[in-house]
Amino acid sequence: MFIFLGLLVVVAVIIWMTAKLEVHPFLALLFGAIAMGFLAGLDGVTLTGAIADGFGSTLQSIGIVIAAGAIIGEYLDRSGGARVLANKILEKVGEKNAPFSMSLTGYIVSIPVFCDSGFIVLSALNKAISKRTSISLAVLAVALASGLYATHVFVPPTPGPLAAAATLGADVGWVLILGLIVSAPVMMAALLWATLYCKRYQIEFEYEHTELAKGMSPPSFTIAVIPILVPILLIALKSIAEYPTHPFGENLFAQALIFTGNPIIALLAGVVLAFLMVKGGGEGRIRNKWLEEALKKAGIIILITGAGGAFGAVLRETDLGEFAAAFAAMGHFGVLVPFLIAAFLKSAQGSSTVAIITAAAICAPLVEPLGFDSTTGLALVVLAIGAGSLTVSHVNDSYFWVVAKFSEMDTATALKTHTIATLIMGITGLITLQVMAWVVL
């Protein structure tokens, strides 16, 4: 009990440091790990060893993957590929179904691209569609924001789910497959909210069309989509190939699938395909510039992820797992535990990625007592944390302000539309995961 109460205090201090003192999450998590070690009575050698080992082992499995994912996202953003995807989906689905088109676009784009960047890139298209169709910009904004958010917290190679999978030792392929299943109803629930409720809000705005840099031309739909789809397909095939029944056999073909489906190889393949999106305007110079920008963004996420791994390693050295065994009596309602931890962290400090990484570190010693130590169980815990990290986006979340400001919403309107949508998404995700836990565990 003392260790658990100590953990609550440390988590509260981490939130206070990041939200009020604006201390970077990387340092806040490391200071939290040290404080937790002292509260648990760990000796200096054990504590520093756990921090170093946790940091290193987490980045060993996830560092290159996060960097590669950031590169793909940056190229999709800068090349105009995201808009190409949106226009193609809009063309196929039709302007009358524009909210669904934008939600689906966000759903696809946010797999490699941060939801903040995705919304900024596509917000101009949202305004153009609103002007052309007279559909309320509030409807389109919530539809796009929720589509982006759904895959941002559930589907690798987005950094949050990747980091949680690394911290908990979950199979990335199964997180991806189950994440796609869970994120679909989550997206649709928010889409219903957008179309049925948000249409009552009419927003006046000015629209100016923006062009690509001089000499640049956007990629084709095929070139824009393959860097996203190929890594997903390779990772999914690897997980299927490694299934105990060996559906592809144990021959050379199966071994090739296992190799190419390793997240590192799969994402590097996506990077090579992303290079095809650079057309005109001095390709070599642009390619290097975009690459450097992507690596700068990835570096921050990699450091936060490593610090989260260090925090988790320190927790594993404590007796927290024994206290968590009391939750085993909850049976399959155990998905509620990681959900609530992540929801508390998200609502308190704002960042979904930080909430996911921190919640995964806290949940690491709880997995076995809760009965989620199987391959499927670990994936469900990662996704339960993702669902919690949706709940809720409000004024302390940078994404809240991106959605509000780029959609010309005042704060009250954004709270009534976007914030409620994220609450609906989180609860839908929890219910979906609970049903899955009853069925598969």
Protein backbone atom coordinates (compact mmCIF):
# COMPACT_ATOMS: atom_id res chain seq x y z
CA MET A 1 0.00 0.00 0.00
CA PHE A 2 2.85 2.39 0.85
CA ILE A 3 4.43 1.79 -2.59
CA PHE A 4 1.09 2.39 -4.30
CA LEU A 5 0.49 5.63 -2.40
CA GLY A 6 4.03 6.68 -3.22
CA LEU A 7 3.33 6.03 -6.91
CA LEU A 8 0.25 8.24 -6.76
CA VAL A 9 2.31 11.05 -5.23
CA VAL A 10 5.07 10.66 -7.83
CA VAL A 11 2.59 10.65 -10.73
CA ALA A 12 0.93 13.76 -9.30
CA VAL A 13 4.34 15.45 -9.09
CA ILE A 14 5.16 14.48 -12.70
CA ILE A 15 1.85 15.99 -13.85
CA TRP A 16 2.47 19.14 -11.80
CA MET A 17 5.98 19.50 -13.23
CA THR A 18 4.86 19.08 -16.86
CA ALA A 19 1.58 21.03 -16.65
CA LYS A 20 2.41 23.85 -14.24
CA LEU A 21 6.18 24.24 -14.21
CA GLU A 22 6.44 23.31 -17.91
CA VAL A 23 9.30 20.90 -17.23
CA HIS A 24 9.97 18.73 -20.28
CA PRO A 25 8.39 15.24 -19.90
CA PHE A 26 11.81 13.64 -20.49
CA LEU A 27 13.22 15.20 -17.32
CA ALA A 28 9.97 14.87 -15.36
CA LEU A 29 9.84 11.12 -15.99
CA LEU A 30 13.50 10.64 -15.03
CA PHE A 31 13.07 12.66 -11.83
CA GLY A 32 9.94 10.63 -11.13
CA ALA A 33 11.87 7.39 -11.59
CA ILE A 34 14.54 8.51 -9.12
CA ALA A 35 11.93 9.64 -6.58
CA MET A 36 10.07 6.33 -6.93
CA GLY A 37 13.29 4.41 -6.35
CA PHE A 38 14.03 6.25 -3.12
CA LEU A 39 10.43 5.81 -1.87
CA ALA A 40 10.68 2.08 -2.55
CA GLY A 41 13.96 1.83 -0.65
CA LEU A 42 16.08 0.75 -3.62
CA ASP A 43 19.83 1.08 -3.19
CA GLY A 44 21.75 3.43 -5.45
CA VAL A 45 23.28 0.73 -7.66
CA THR A 46 19.93 -1.00 -8.26
CA LEU A 47 18.17 2.30 -8.96
CA THR A 48 20.70 3.67 -11.45
CA GLY A 49 21.03 0.25 -13.08
CA ALA A 50 17.26 0.01 -13.54
CA ILE A 51 17.11 3.51 -15.06
CA ALA A 52 19.93 2.80 -17.51
CA ASP A 53 18.68 -0.67 -18.46
CA GLY A 54 15.08 0.50 -18.84
CA PHE A 55 16.08 3.44 -21.00
CA GLY A 56 18.39 1.38 -23.19
CA SER A 57 16.18 -1.68 -23.63
CA THR A 58 13.19 0.46 -24.61
CA LEU A 59 15.10 2.37 -27.26
CA GLN A 60 16.75 -0.81 -28.49
CA SER A 61 13.40 -2.07 -29.73
CA ILE A 62 11.69 1.17 -30.66
CA GLY A 63 14.15 3.99 -31.44
CA ILE A 64 14.72 3.28 -35.14
CA VAL A 65 11.02 2.55 -35.67
CA ILE A 66 9.94 5.92 -34.26
CA ALA A 67 12.53 7.73 -36.38
CA ALA A 68 11.43 5.92 -39.55
CA GLY A 69 7.76 6.62 -38.83
CA ALA A 70 8.53 10.31 -38.33
CA ILE A 71 10.30 10.45 -41.69
CA ILE A 72 7.31 8.92 -43.51
CA GLY A 73 4.97 11.35 -41.77
CA GLU A 74 7.12 14.38 -42.60
CA TYR A 75 7.29 13.46 -46.29
CA LEU A 76 3.54 12.87 -46.45
CA ASP A 77 3.00 16.25 -44.81
CA ARG A 78 5.50 18.35 -46.79
CA SER A 79 4.93 16.81 -50.24
CA GLY A 80 1.20 17.44 -50.33
CA GLY A 81 0.55 13.70 -50.15
CA ALA A 82 -1.93 14.10 -47.28
CA ARG A 83 -4.08 16.41 -49.39
CA VAL A 84 -3.86 14.03 -52.33
CA LEU A 85 -5.25 11.24 -50.14
CA ALA A 86 -8.04 13.51 -48.88
CA ASN A 87 -9.06 14.64 -52.36
CA LYS A 88 -9.11 11.08 -53.69
CA ILE A 89 -11.26 9.82 -50.82
CA LEU A 90 -13.59 12.81 -51.24
CA GLU A 91 -13.86 12.07 -54.95
CA LYS A 92 -14.80 8.44 -54.32
CA VAL A 93 -17.16 8.97 -51.38
CA GLY A 94 -18.81 12.13 -52.67
CA GLU A 95 -19.19 15.64 -51.32
CA LYS A 96 -22.49 14.81 -49.62
CA ASN A 97 -20.54 12.38 -47.45
CA ALA A 98 -17.74 14.88 -46.82
CA PRO A 99 -17.70 14.34 -43.00
CA PHE A 100 -17.08 10.63 -43.50
CA SER A 101 -14.48 11.42 -46.18
CA MET A 102 -12.54 13.70 -43.85
CA SER A 103 -12.81 11.29 -40.95
CA LEU A 104 -11.52 8.43 -43.12
CA THR A 105 -8.75 10.64 -44.46
CA GLY A 106 -7.66 11.51 -40.93
CA TYR A 107 -7.87 7.84 -39.97
CA ILE A 108 -5.38 6.90 -42.71
CA VAL A 109 -3.10 9.94 -42.53
CA SER A 110 -2.57 9.78 -38.75
CA ILE A 111 -1.02 6.31 -38.85
CA PRO A 112 2.41 7.81 -39.68
CA VAL A 113 1.67 11.53 -39.12
CA PHE A 114 1.12 13.22 -35.74
CA CYS A 115 -2.54 14.19 -35.38
CA ASP A 116 -1.57 17.84 -34.77
CA SER A 117 0.36 18.04 -38.04
CA GLY A 118 -2.31 16.11 -39.92
CA PHE A 119 -5.03 18.50 -38.81
CA ILE A 120 -2.97 21.57 -39.70
CA VAL A 121 -2.23 20.19 -43.18
CA LEU A 122 -5.86 19.22 -43.88
CA SER A 123 -7.61 22.16 -42.19
CA ALA A 124 -7.46 24.24 -45.39
CA LEU A 125 -9.16 21.40 -47.27
CA ASN A 126 -11.80 21.29 -44.54
CA LYS A 127 -12.55 24.97 -45.10
CA ALA A 128 -12.67 24.54 -48.88
CA ILE A 129 -15.18 21.69 -48.54
CA SER A 130 -17.27 23.67 -46.08
CA LYS A 131 -17.46 26.60 -48.51
CA ARG A 132 -18.28 24.31 -51.43
CA THR A 133 -20.91 22.15 -49.72
CA SER A 134 -22.31 24.47 -47.00
CA ILE A 135 -21.62 21.75 -44.42
CA SER A 136 -20.82 23.31 -41.05
CA LEU A 137 -17.08 23.65 -40.46
CA ALA A 138 -17.69 22.40 -36.90
CA VAL A 139 -18.95 19.08 -38.32
CA LEU A 140 -15.97 18.70 -40.65
CA ALA A 141 -13.50 19.76 -37.95
CA VAL A 142 -14.74 17.21 -35.41
CA ALA A 143 -14.93 14.51 -38.11
CA LEU A 144 -11.34 15.14 -39.19
CA ALA A 145 -10.01 15.56 -35.65
CA SER A 146 -11.60 12.33 -34.44
CA GLY A 147 -10.42 10.34 -37.46
CA LEU A 148 -6.88 11.56 -36.84
CA TYR A 149 -7.13 10.85 -33.12
CA ALA A 150 -8.47 7.30 -33.53
CA THR A 151 -5.35 5.87 -35.19
CA HIS A 152 -3.03 8.25 -33.32
CA VAL A 153 -3.61 6.37 -30.04
CA PHE A 154 -4.38 2.86 -31.30
CA VAL A 155 -2.39 1.98 -34.44
CA PRO A 156 1.41 1.64 -34.78
CA PRO A 157 3.67 3.08 -36.12
CA THR A 158 2.31 6.12 -34.26
CA PRO A 159 4.85 6.65 -31.42
CA GLY A 160 2.44 6.22 -28.49
CA PRO A 161 1.25 2.66 -29.23
CA LEU A 162 4.77 1.71 -30.34
CA ALA A 163 6.27 2.95 -27.08
CA ALA A 164 3.60 1.22 -24.98
CA ALA A 165 4.14 -2.04 -26.86
CA ALA A 166 7.89 -1.81 -26.23
CA THR A 167 7.45 -1.03 -22.54
CA LEU A 168 4.97 -3.87 -21.98
CA GLY A 169 6.63 -6.36 -24.31
CA ALA A 170 3.55 -6.59 -26.55
CA ASP A 171 3.72 -7.83 -30.13
CA VAL A 172 3.51 -4.76 -32.41
CA GLY A 173 1.75 -6.74 -35.12
CA TRP A 174 -1.09 -7.79 -32.82
CA VAL A 175 -1.37 -4.27 -31.44
CA LEU A 176 -1.69 -3.06 -35.04
CA ILE A 177 -4.30 -5.66 -36.05
CA LEU A 178 -6.43 -5.27 -32.92
CA GLY A 179 -5.86 -1.50 -32.98
CA LEU A 180 -7.40 -1.27 -36.45
CA ILE A 181 -10.40 -3.26 -35.19
CA VAL A 182 -10.90 -1.09 -32.09
CA SER A 183 -10.27 2.25 -33.79
CA ALA A 184 -13.01 1.73 -36.41
CA PRO A 185 -16.02 1.89 -34.03
CA VAL A 186 -14.25 4.63 -32.06
CA MET A 187 -14.00 6.74 -35.22
CA MET A 188 -17.60 5.99 -36.23
CA ALA A 189 -18.97 6.96 -32.80
CA ALA A 190 -17.30 10.36 -33.04
CA LEU A 191 -18.47 10.75 -36.64
CA LEU A 192 -22.07 10.22 -35.51
CA TRP A 193 -21.58 12.86 -32.83
CA ALA A 194 -20.18 15.27 -35.43
CA THR A 195 -22.97 14.78 -37.97
CA LEU A 196 -25.91 14.63 -35.53
CA TYR A 197 -24.92 17.24 -32.94
CA CYS A 198 -22.18 19.54 -34.20
CA LYS A 199 -24.19 20.74 -37.21
CA ARG A 200 -25.99 23.19 -34.89
CA TYR A 201 -22.77 25.26 -34.71
CA GLN A 202 -22.17 27.56 -37.70
CA ILE A 203 -18.72 29.12 -37.97
CA GLU A 204 -17.87 32.14 -40.10
CA PHE A 205 -14.39 32.07 -41.61
CA GLU A 206 -12.18 33.31 -44.44
CA TYR A 207 -10.58 30.81 -46.77
CA GLU A 208 -7.34 31.27 -48.72
CA HIS A 209 -5.95 28.50 -50.91
CA THR A 210 -2.26 27.67 -50.28
CA GLU A 211 0.14 26.26 -52.86
CA LEU A 212 3.16 24.00 -52.61
CA ALA A 213 6.66 25.43 -52.73
CA LYS A 214 7.81 26.69 -56.12
CA GLY A 215 8.84 23.87 -58.43
CA MET A 216 7.15 21.18 -56.35
CA SER A 217 4.38 18.94 -57.60
CA PRO A 218 2.29 16.67 -55.34
CA PRO A 219 2.65 12.87 -55.60
CA SER A 220 0.02 10.62 -57.13
CA PHE A 221 -2.47 8.84 -54.88
CA THR A 222 -0.57 5.55 -55.24
CA ILE A 223 2.77 7.10 -54.36
CA ALA A 224 1.20 8.85 -51.35
CA VAL A 225 -0.53 5.79 -49.92
CA ILE A 226 2.05 3.01 -50.37
CA PRO A 227 4.48 4.28 -47.66
CA ILE A 228 1.59 3.89 -45.21
CA LEU A 229 0.09 0.62 -46.41
CA VAL A 230 3.25 -1.38 -47.12
CA PRO A 231 4.69 -1.24 -43.54
CA ILE A 232 1.25 -2.04 -42.07
CA LEU A 233 0.86 -5.04 -44.39
CA LEU A 234 4.38 -6.35 -43.68
CA ILE A 235 3.98 -6.05 -39.89
CA ALA A 236 0.57 -7.74 -39.97
CA LEU A 237 1.85 -10.61 -42.14
CA LYS A 238 4.73 -11.19 -39.72
CA SER A 239 2.34 -11.61 -36.78
CA ILE A 240 0.20 -14.02 -38.80
CA ALA A 241 3.28 -15.98 -39.91
CA GLU A 242 4.40 -16.34 -36.26
CA TYR A 243 1.00 -17.55 -35.07
CA PRO A 244 1.32 -20.96 -33.31
CA THR A 245 -0.53 -22.76 -36.15
CA HIS A 246 2.05 -21.43 -38.68
CA PRO A 247 -0.48 -20.64 -41.46
CA PHE A 248 2.34 -19.91 -43.94
CA GLY A 249 4.35 -22.97 -42.89
CA GLU A 250 7.95 -22.83 -41.71
CA ASN A 251 9.62 -22.53 -45.09
CA LEU A 252 11.80 -19.82 -46.61
CA PHE A 253 8.76 -17.75 -47.57
CA ALA A 254 7.55 -17.66 -43.96
CA GLN A 255 11.02 -16.68 -42.76
CA ALA A 256 11.11 -13.87 -45.33
CA LEU A 257 7.75 -12.59 -44.04
CA ILE A 258 9.06 -12.66 -40.47
CA PHE A 259 12.18 -10.71 -41.49
CA THR A 260 10.47 -8.07 -43.63
CA GLY A 261 7.67 -7.73 -41.06
CA ASN A 262 10.05 -6.75 -38.30
CA PRO A 263 8.93 -3.17 -37.50
CA ILE A 264 12.44 -1.83 -38.17
CA ILE A 265 12.65 -3.38 -41.66
CA ALA A 266 8.99 -2.63 -42.48
CA LEU A 267 9.28 1.06 -41.54
CA LEU A 268 12.59 1.45 -43.36
CA ALA A 269 10.87 0.05 -46.46
CA GLY A 270 8.23 2.72 -45.95
CA VAL A 271 10.96 5.38 -45.75
CA VAL A 272 12.41 4.29 -49.10
CA LEU A 273 8.94 4.44 -50.65
CA ALA A 274 8.36 7.87 -49.08
CA PHE A 275 11.37 9.23 -50.99
CA LEU A 276 9.29 8.80 -54.16
CA MET A 277 7.02 11.63 -52.97
CA VAL A 278 9.72 14.25 -53.66
CA LYS A 279 9.13 15.55 -57.18
CA GLY A 280 10.74 18.67 -58.63
CA GLY A 281 12.19 21.73 -56.95
CA GLY A 282 15.66 20.32 -56.20
CA GLU A 283 14.96 16.81 -54.97
CA GLY A 284 18.20 16.11 -53.11
CA ARG A 285 18.17 19.37 -51.14
CA ILE A 286 14.49 19.02 -50.24
CA ARG A 287 14.87 15.37 -49.28
CA ASN A 288 17.68 16.18 -46.85
CA LYS A 289 15.80 19.16 -45.37
CA TRP A 290 12.67 17.10 -44.71
CA LEU A 291 14.76 14.26 -43.33
CA GLU A 292 16.46 16.56 -40.82
CA GLU A 293 13.14 18.04 -39.69
CA ALA A 294 11.68 14.57 -39.19
CA LEU A 295 14.65 13.39 -37.13
CA LYS A 296 14.44 16.47 -34.89
CA LYS A 297 10.81 15.66 -34.12
CA ALA A 298 11.58 11.97 -33.64
CA GLY A 299 14.43 12.72 -31.22
CA ILE A 300 12.07 14.31 -28.70
CA ILE A 301 9.66 11.37 -28.81
CA ILE A 302 12.52 8.86 -28.56
CA LEU A 303 13.89 10.55 -25.44
CA ILE A 304 10.46 10.69 -23.76
CA THR A 305 9.89 7.04 -24.65
CA GLY A 306 13.25 6.05 -23.18
CA ALA A 307 12.52 7.97 -19.99
CA GLY A 308 9.17 6.19 -19.75
CA GLY A 309 11.00 2.89 -20.10
CA ALA A 310 13.35 3.90 -17.29
CA PHE A 311 10.39 4.79 -15.07
CA GLY A 312 8.80 1.43 -15.79
CA ALA A 313 12.02 -0.44 -15.04
CA VAL A 314 12.23 1.22 -11.61
CA LEU A 315 8.59 0.28 -10.88
CA ARG A 316 9.38 -3.34 -11.75
CA GLU A 317 12.08 -3.33 -9.05
CA THR A 318 9.47 -2.44 -6.42
CA ASP A 319 6.73 -4.57 -4.82
CA LEU A 320 3.98 -2.82 -6.73
CA GLY A 321 3.03 -6.01 -8.55
CA GLU A 322 2.04 -7.70 -5.31
CA PHE A 323 -0.34 -4.87 -4.46
CA ALA A 324 -1.78 -5.02 -7.98
CA ALA A 325 -2.64 -8.71 -7.49
CA ALA A 326 -5.68 -7.51 -5.55
CA PHE A 327 -7.13 -6.29 -8.85
CA ALA A 328 -7.10 -9.82 -10.24
CA ALA A 329 -10.42 -10.39 -8.47
CA MET A 330 -11.93 -7.98 -11.01
CA GLY A 331 -11.52 -10.68 -13.64
CA HIS A 332 -11.86 -9.48 -17.21
CA PHE A 333 -12.89 -6.04 -16.01
CA GLY A 334 -9.14 -5.54 -15.60
CA VAL A 335 -8.99 -3.48 -18.84
CA LEU A 336 -10.60 -0.73 -16.78
CA VAL A 337 -7.41 -0.34 -14.72
CA PRO A 338 -5.02 0.72 -17.52
CA PHE A 339 -7.83 2.77 -19.07
CA LEU A 340 -8.40 4.79 -15.89
CA ILE A 341 -4.68 5.32 -15.30
CA ALA A 342 -4.20 6.68 -18.83
CA ALA A 343 -7.40 8.75 -18.66
CA PHE A 344 -6.26 10.35 -15.42
CA LEU A 345 -2.86 11.17 -16.88
CA LYS A 346 -4.33 12.49 -20.12
CA SER A 347 -6.95 14.71 -18.50
CA ALA A 348 -4.44 16.06 -16.00
CA GLN A 349 -1.48 16.95 -18.21
CA GLY A 350 -2.82 17.08 -21.78
CA SER A 351 -0.48 15.03 -23.98
CA SER A 352 -1.82 11.69 -25.22
CA THR A 353 1.67 10.44 -26.06
CA VAL A 354 3.03 11.27 -22.60
CA ALA A 355 -0.07 9.70 -21.02
CA ILE A 356 0.43 6.50 -23.02
CA ILE A 357 4.13 6.23 -22.25
CA THR A 358 3.69 6.97 -18.53
CA ALA A 359 0.64 4.70 -18.16
CA ALA A 360 2.51 1.85 -19.88
CA ALA A 361 5.37 2.23 -17.42
CA ILE A 362 2.94 2.15 -14.49
CA CYS A 363 1.02 -0.83 -15.90
CA ALA A 364 4.10 -2.94 -16.66
CA PRO A 365 4.20 -4.67 -13.24
CA LEU A 366 0.38 -4.97 -13.20
CA VAL A 367 0.01 -7.03 -16.37
CA GLU A 368 0.58 -10.46 -14.84
CA PRO A 369 -1.55 -9.91 -11.70
CA LEU A 370 -4.39 -8.67 -13.90
CA GLY A 371 -4.18 -11.79 -16.06
CA PHE A 372 -3.10 -10.04 -19.26
CA ASP A 373 0.31 -11.64 -19.72
CA SER A 374 -0.65 -13.49 -22.94
CA THR A 375 0.11 -12.14 -26.44
CA THR A 376 -3.49 -11.01 -26.92
CA GLY A 377 -3.76 -9.73 -23.35
CA LEU A 378 -0.69 -7.51 -23.70
CA ALA A 379 -2.08 -6.04 -26.91
CA LEU A 380 -5.39 -5.31 -25.16
CA VAL A 381 -3.59 -3.50 -22.33
CA VAL A 382 -1.75 -1.31 -24.86
CA LEU A 383 -5.08 -0.48 -26.51
CA ALA A 384 -6.83 0.14 -23.18
CA ILE A 385 -4.12 2.67 -22.40
CA GLY A 386 -4.71 4.18 -25.85
CA ALA A 387 -8.44 4.49 -25.15
CA GLY A 388 -7.70 6.19 -21.85
CA SER A 389 -5.34 8.63 -23.54
CA LEU A 390 -8.29 9.89 -25.60
CA THR A 391 -10.24 10.82 -22.49
CA VAL A 392 -10.42 13.79 -22.70
CA SER A 393 -8.85 16.49 -24.90
CA HIS A 394 -9.47 19.88 -23.34
CA VAL A 395 -7.73 23.21 -22.65
CA ASN A 396 -4.43 21.73 -21.42
CA ASP A 397 -4.00 19.71 -24.65
CA SER A 398 -2.14 21.28 -27.59
CA TYR A 399 -4.34 19.26 -29.99
CA PHE A 400 -7.43 20.92 -28.53
CA TRP A 401 -6.05 24.33 -29.48
CA VAL A 402 -4.94 23.16 -32.93
CA VAL A 403 -8.47 21.93 -33.67
CA ALA A 404 -10.05 25.07 -32.22
CA LYS A 405 -7.79 27.69 -33.80
CA PHE A 406 -7.47 26.12 -37.26
CA SER A 407 -11.26 25.69 -37.37
CA GLU A 408 -12.04 29.22 -36.17
CA MET A 409 -13.84 27.88 -33.07
CA ASP A 410 -14.11 29.78 -29.82
CA THR A 411 -13.17 27.89 -26.65
CA ALA A 412 -16.76 27.18 -25.60
CA THR A 413 -17.65 25.68 -29.00
CA ALA A 414 -14.52 23.53 -29.03
CA LEU A 415 -15.34 22.18 -25.55
CA LYS A 416 -18.92 21.37 -26.58
CA THR A 417 -17.88 19.65 -29.82
CA HIS A 418 -14.31 18.34 -29.87
CA THR A 419 -13.93 17.64 -26.13
CA ILE A 420 -17.23 15.73 -25.88
CA ALA A 421 -16.25 13.80 -29.02
CA THR A 422 -13.05 12.60 -27.35
CA LEU A 423 -15.04 11.48 -24.29
CA ILE A 424 -17.37 9.48 -26.54
CA MET A 425 -14.35 8.00 -28.33
CA GLY A 426 -12.67 6.93 -25.09
CA ILE A 427 -15.80 5.27 -23.69
CA THR A 428 -16.49 3.54 -27.03
CA GLY A 429 -12.93 2.23 -27.05
CA LEU A 430 -13.25 0.93 -23.48
CA ILE A 431 -16.55 -0.86 -24.23
CA THR A 432 -15.13 -2.40 -27.42
CA LEU A 433 -12.02 -3.62 -25.59
CA GLN A 434 -14.09 -5.02 -22.73
CA VAL A 435 -16.16 -7.08 -25.17
CA MET A 436 -12.96 -8.26 -26.89
CA ALA A 437 -11.49 -9.27 -23.51
CA TRP A 438 -14.59 -11.35 -22.71
CA VAL A 439 -14.38 -13.07 -26.09
CA VAL A 440 -10.66 -13.76 -26.53
CA LEU A 441 -9.31 -14.16 -22.98
